[in-house]
């Protein structure tokens, strides 16, 4: 099955070349122009948000939690009863004392 890409005379205001190509392919396949624009914009690559920088305290807390977590786990690796809650409290207490 061959597709013939029909270029339209309407101005296509899409952010990238990929979106334009997708729209042209959809239009040539018989999809209405309005629907093709919506679908090609949905399929467009999404910009990634910048990651937030972790605070100094959250880094200290994470290290402290990893240090104390083993004391509150069973041999199988599961959390003991109220183990996570107690580990969290111990980690906060240890993080306050860390430099």
C-alpha atoms as a PDB file:
ATOM      1  CA  UNK A   1       0.000   0.000   0.000  1.00  0.00           C
ATOM      2  CA  UNK A   2       1.520   3.281  -1.061  1.00  0.00           C
ATOM      3  CA  UNK A   3       0.867   6.647   0.502  1.00  0.00           C
ATOM      4  CA  UNK A   4       1.228   9.771  -1.524  1.00  0.00           C
ATOM      5  CA  UNK A   5       1.983  12.757   0.660  1.00  0.00           C
ATOM      6  CA  UNK A   6      -0.164  15.680  -0.411  1.00  0.00           C
ATOM      7  CA  UNK A   7       1.310  18.972   0.707  1.00  0.00           C
ATOM      8  CA  UNK A   8      -1.363  21.457   1.596  1.00  0.00           C
ATOM      9  CA  UNK A   9      -1.197  25.152   0.932  1.00  0.00           C
ATOM     10  CA  UNK A  10      -2.314  25.945   4.477  1.00  0.00           C
ATOM     11  CA  UNK A  11       0.381  27.229   6.787  1.00  0.00           C
ATOM     12  CA  UNK A  12       1.355  24.554   9.270  1.00  0.00           C
ATOM     13  CA  UNK A  13       2.429  26.120  12.561  1.00  0.00           C
ATOM     14  CA  UNK A  14       3.887  23.149  14.390  1.00  0.00           C
ATOM     15  CA  UNK A  15       6.929  23.157  16.627  1.00  0.00           C
ATOM     16  CA  UNK A  16       9.086  20.602  14.809  1.00  0.00           C
ATOM     17  CA  UNK A  17       9.674  18.781  11.543  1.00  0.00           C
ATOM     18  CA  UNK A  18       8.454  15.501  13.029  1.00  0.00           C
ATOM     19  CA  UNK A  19       5.068  17.037  13.807  1.00  0.00           C
ATOM     20  CA  UNK A  20       4.769  18.374  10.262  1.00  0.00           C
ATOM     21  CA  UNK A  21       5.593  14.968   8.817  1.00  0.00           C
ATOM     22  CA  UNK A  22       3.066  13.246  11.072  1.00  0.00           C
ATOM     23  CA  UNK A  23       0.358  15.696  10.087  1.00  0.00           C
ATOM     24  CA  UNK A  24       1.083  15.272   6.385  1.00  0.00           C
ATOM     25  CA  UNK A  25       0.947  11.488   6.705  1.00  0.00           C
ATOM     26  CA  UNK A  26      -2.351  11.609   8.572  1.00  0.00           C
ATOM     27  CA  UNK A  27      -3.885  13.993   6.011  1.00  0.00           C
ATOM     28  CA  UNK A  28      -2.701  11.815   3.119  1.00  0.00           C
ATOM     29  CA  UNK A  29      -4.286   8.783   4.805  1.00  0.00           C
ATOM     30  CA  UNK A  30      -7.659  10.532   4.730  1.00  0.00           C
ATOM     31  CA  UNK A  31      -7.822  11.934   8.257  1.00  0.00           C
ATOM     32  CA  UNK A  32      -9.503  15.378   8.397  1.00  0.00           C
ATOM     33  CA  UNK A  33      -7.092  18.331   8.739  1.00  0.00           C
ATOM     34  CA  UNK A  34      -8.355  19.430  12.177  1.00  0.00           C
ATOM     35  CA  UNK A  35      -8.050  15.925  13.582  1.00  0.00           C
ATOM     36  CA  UNK A  36      -4.592  15.464  12.040  1.00  0.00           C
ATOM     37  CA  UNK A  37      -3.280  18.631  13.710  1.00  0.00           C
ATOM     38  CA  UNK A  38      -4.571  17.531  17.129  1.00  0.00           C
ATOM     39  CA  UNK A  39      -3.091  14.047  16.810  1.00  0.00           C
ATOM     40  CA  UNK A  40       0.292  15.207  15.531  1.00  0.00           C
ATOM     41  CA  UNK A  41       0.584  17.669  18.433  1.00  0.00           C
ATOM     42  CA  UNK A  42      -0.232  14.899  20.921  1.00  0.00           C
ATOM     43  CA  UNK A  43       2.504  12.729  19.445  1.00  0.00           C
ATOM     44  CA  UNK A  44       5.068  15.543  19.545  1.00  0.00           C
ATOM     45  CA  UNK A  45       8.000  15.091  21.926  1.00  0.00           C
ATOM     46  CA  UNK A  46       7.395  16.662  25.331  1.00  0.00           C
ATOM     47  CA  UNK A  47      10.030  18.877  26.886  1.00  0.00           C
ATOM     48  CA  UNK A  48      11.385  17.527  30.148  1.00  0.00           C
ATOM     49  CA  UNK A  49      11.203  19.706  33.223  1.00  0.00           C
ATOM     50  CA  UNK A  50      14.434  20.525  34.998  1.00  0.00           C
ATOM     51  CA  UNK A  51      15.000  18.473  38.132  1.00  0.00           C
ATOM     52  CA  UNK A  52      14.927  20.307  41.431  1.00  0.00           C
ATOM     53  CA  UNK A  53      18.136  20.334  43.396  1.00  0.00           C
ATOM     54  CA  UNK A  54      17.971  18.282  46.596  1.00  0.00           C
ATOM     55  CA  UNK A  55      18.427  20.289  49.781  1.00  0.00           C
ATOM     56  CA  UNK A  56      21.386  19.616  52.052  1.00  0.00           C
ATOM     57  CA  UNK A  57      19.068  18.232  54.734  1.00  0.00           C
ATOM     58  CA  UNK A  58      17.343  15.801  52.381  1.00  0.00           C
ATOM     59  CA  UNK A  59      20.735  14.444  51.296  1.00  0.00           C
ATOM     60  CA  UNK A  60      21.774  14.008  54.950  1.00  0.00           C
ATOM     61  CA  UNK A  61      18.447  12.356  55.752  1.00  0.00           C
ATOM     62  CA  UNK A  62      18.773   9.947  52.831  1.00  0.00           C
ATOM     63  CA  UNK A  63      22.226   8.844  53.939  1.00  0.00           C
ATOM     64  CA  UNK A  64      21.075   8.495  57.551  1.00  0.00           C
ATOM     65  CA  UNK A  65      18.021   6.463  56.500  1.00  0.00           C
ATOM     66  CA  UNK A  66      20.145   4.031  54.510  1.00  0.00           C
ATOM     67  CA  UNK A  67      22.439   3.671  57.512  1.00  0.00           C
ATOM     68  CA  UNK A  68      19.666   2.825  60.025  1.00  0.00           C
ATOM     69  CA  UNK A  69      17.189   0.960  57.787  1.00  0.00           C
ATOM     70  CA  UNK A  70      18.826  -2.441  58.326  1.00  0.00           C
ATOM     71  CA  UNK A  71      18.126  -2.334  62.049  1.00  0.00           C
ATOM     72  CA  UNK A  72      14.373  -2.182  61.386  1.00  0.00           C
ATOM     73  CA  UNK A  73      14.136  -4.947  58.790  1.00  0.00           C
ATOM     74  CA  UNK A  74      13.665  -8.680  59.155  1.00  0.00           C
ATOM     75  CA  UNK A  75      16.148 -11.287  57.885  1.00  0.00           C
ATOM     76  CA  UNK A  76      14.024 -11.697  54.756  1.00  0.00           C
ATOM     77  CA  UNK A  77      14.415  -7.997  53.946  1.00  0.00           C
ATOM     78  CA  UNK A  78      10.827  -7.080  54.773  1.00  0.00           C
ATOM     79  CA  UNK A  79      10.097  -4.222  57.126  1.00  0.00           C
ATOM     80  CA  UNK A  80       9.447  -5.239  60.733  1.00  0.00           C
ATOM     81  CA  UNK A  81       6.194  -4.181  62.386  1.00  0.00           C
ATOM     82  CA  UNK A  82       6.259  -0.344  62.452  1.00  0.00           C
ATOM     83  CA  UNK A  83       9.841  -0.670  61.181  1.00  0.00           C
ATOM     84  CA  UNK A  84       9.614   1.982  58.512  1.00  0.00           C
ATOM     85  CA  UNK A  85       8.080   4.496  60.901  1.00  0.00           C
ATOM     86  CA  UNK A  86      10.759   3.841  63.535  1.00  0.00           C
ATOM     87  CA  UNK A  87      13.555   3.932  60.924  1.00  0.00           C
ATOM     88  CA  UNK A  88      12.255   7.249  59.620  1.00  0.00           C
ATOM     89  CA  UNK A  89      12.224   8.751  63.115  1.00  0.00           C
ATOM     90  CA  UNK A  90      15.728   7.443  63.860  1.00  0.00           C
ATOM     91  CA  UNK A  91      17.023   8.790  60.536  1.00  0.00           C
ATOM     92  CA  UNK A  92      15.655  12.264  61.259  1.00  0.00           C
ATOM     93  CA  UNK A  93      17.274  12.198  64.688  1.00  0.00           C
ATOM     94  CA  UNK A  94      20.605  11.088  63.202  1.00  0.00           C
ATOM     95  CA  UNK A  95      20.404  13.626  60.350  1.00  0.00           C
ATOM     96  CA  UNK A  96      20.127  16.498  62.835  1.00  0.00           C
ATOM     97  CA  UNK A  97      23.434  15.441  64.402  1.00  0.00           C
ATOM     98  CA  UNK A  98      25.258  14.966  61.071  1.00  0.00           C
ATOM     99  CA  UNK A  99      27.450  17.703  59.623  1.00  0.00           C
END
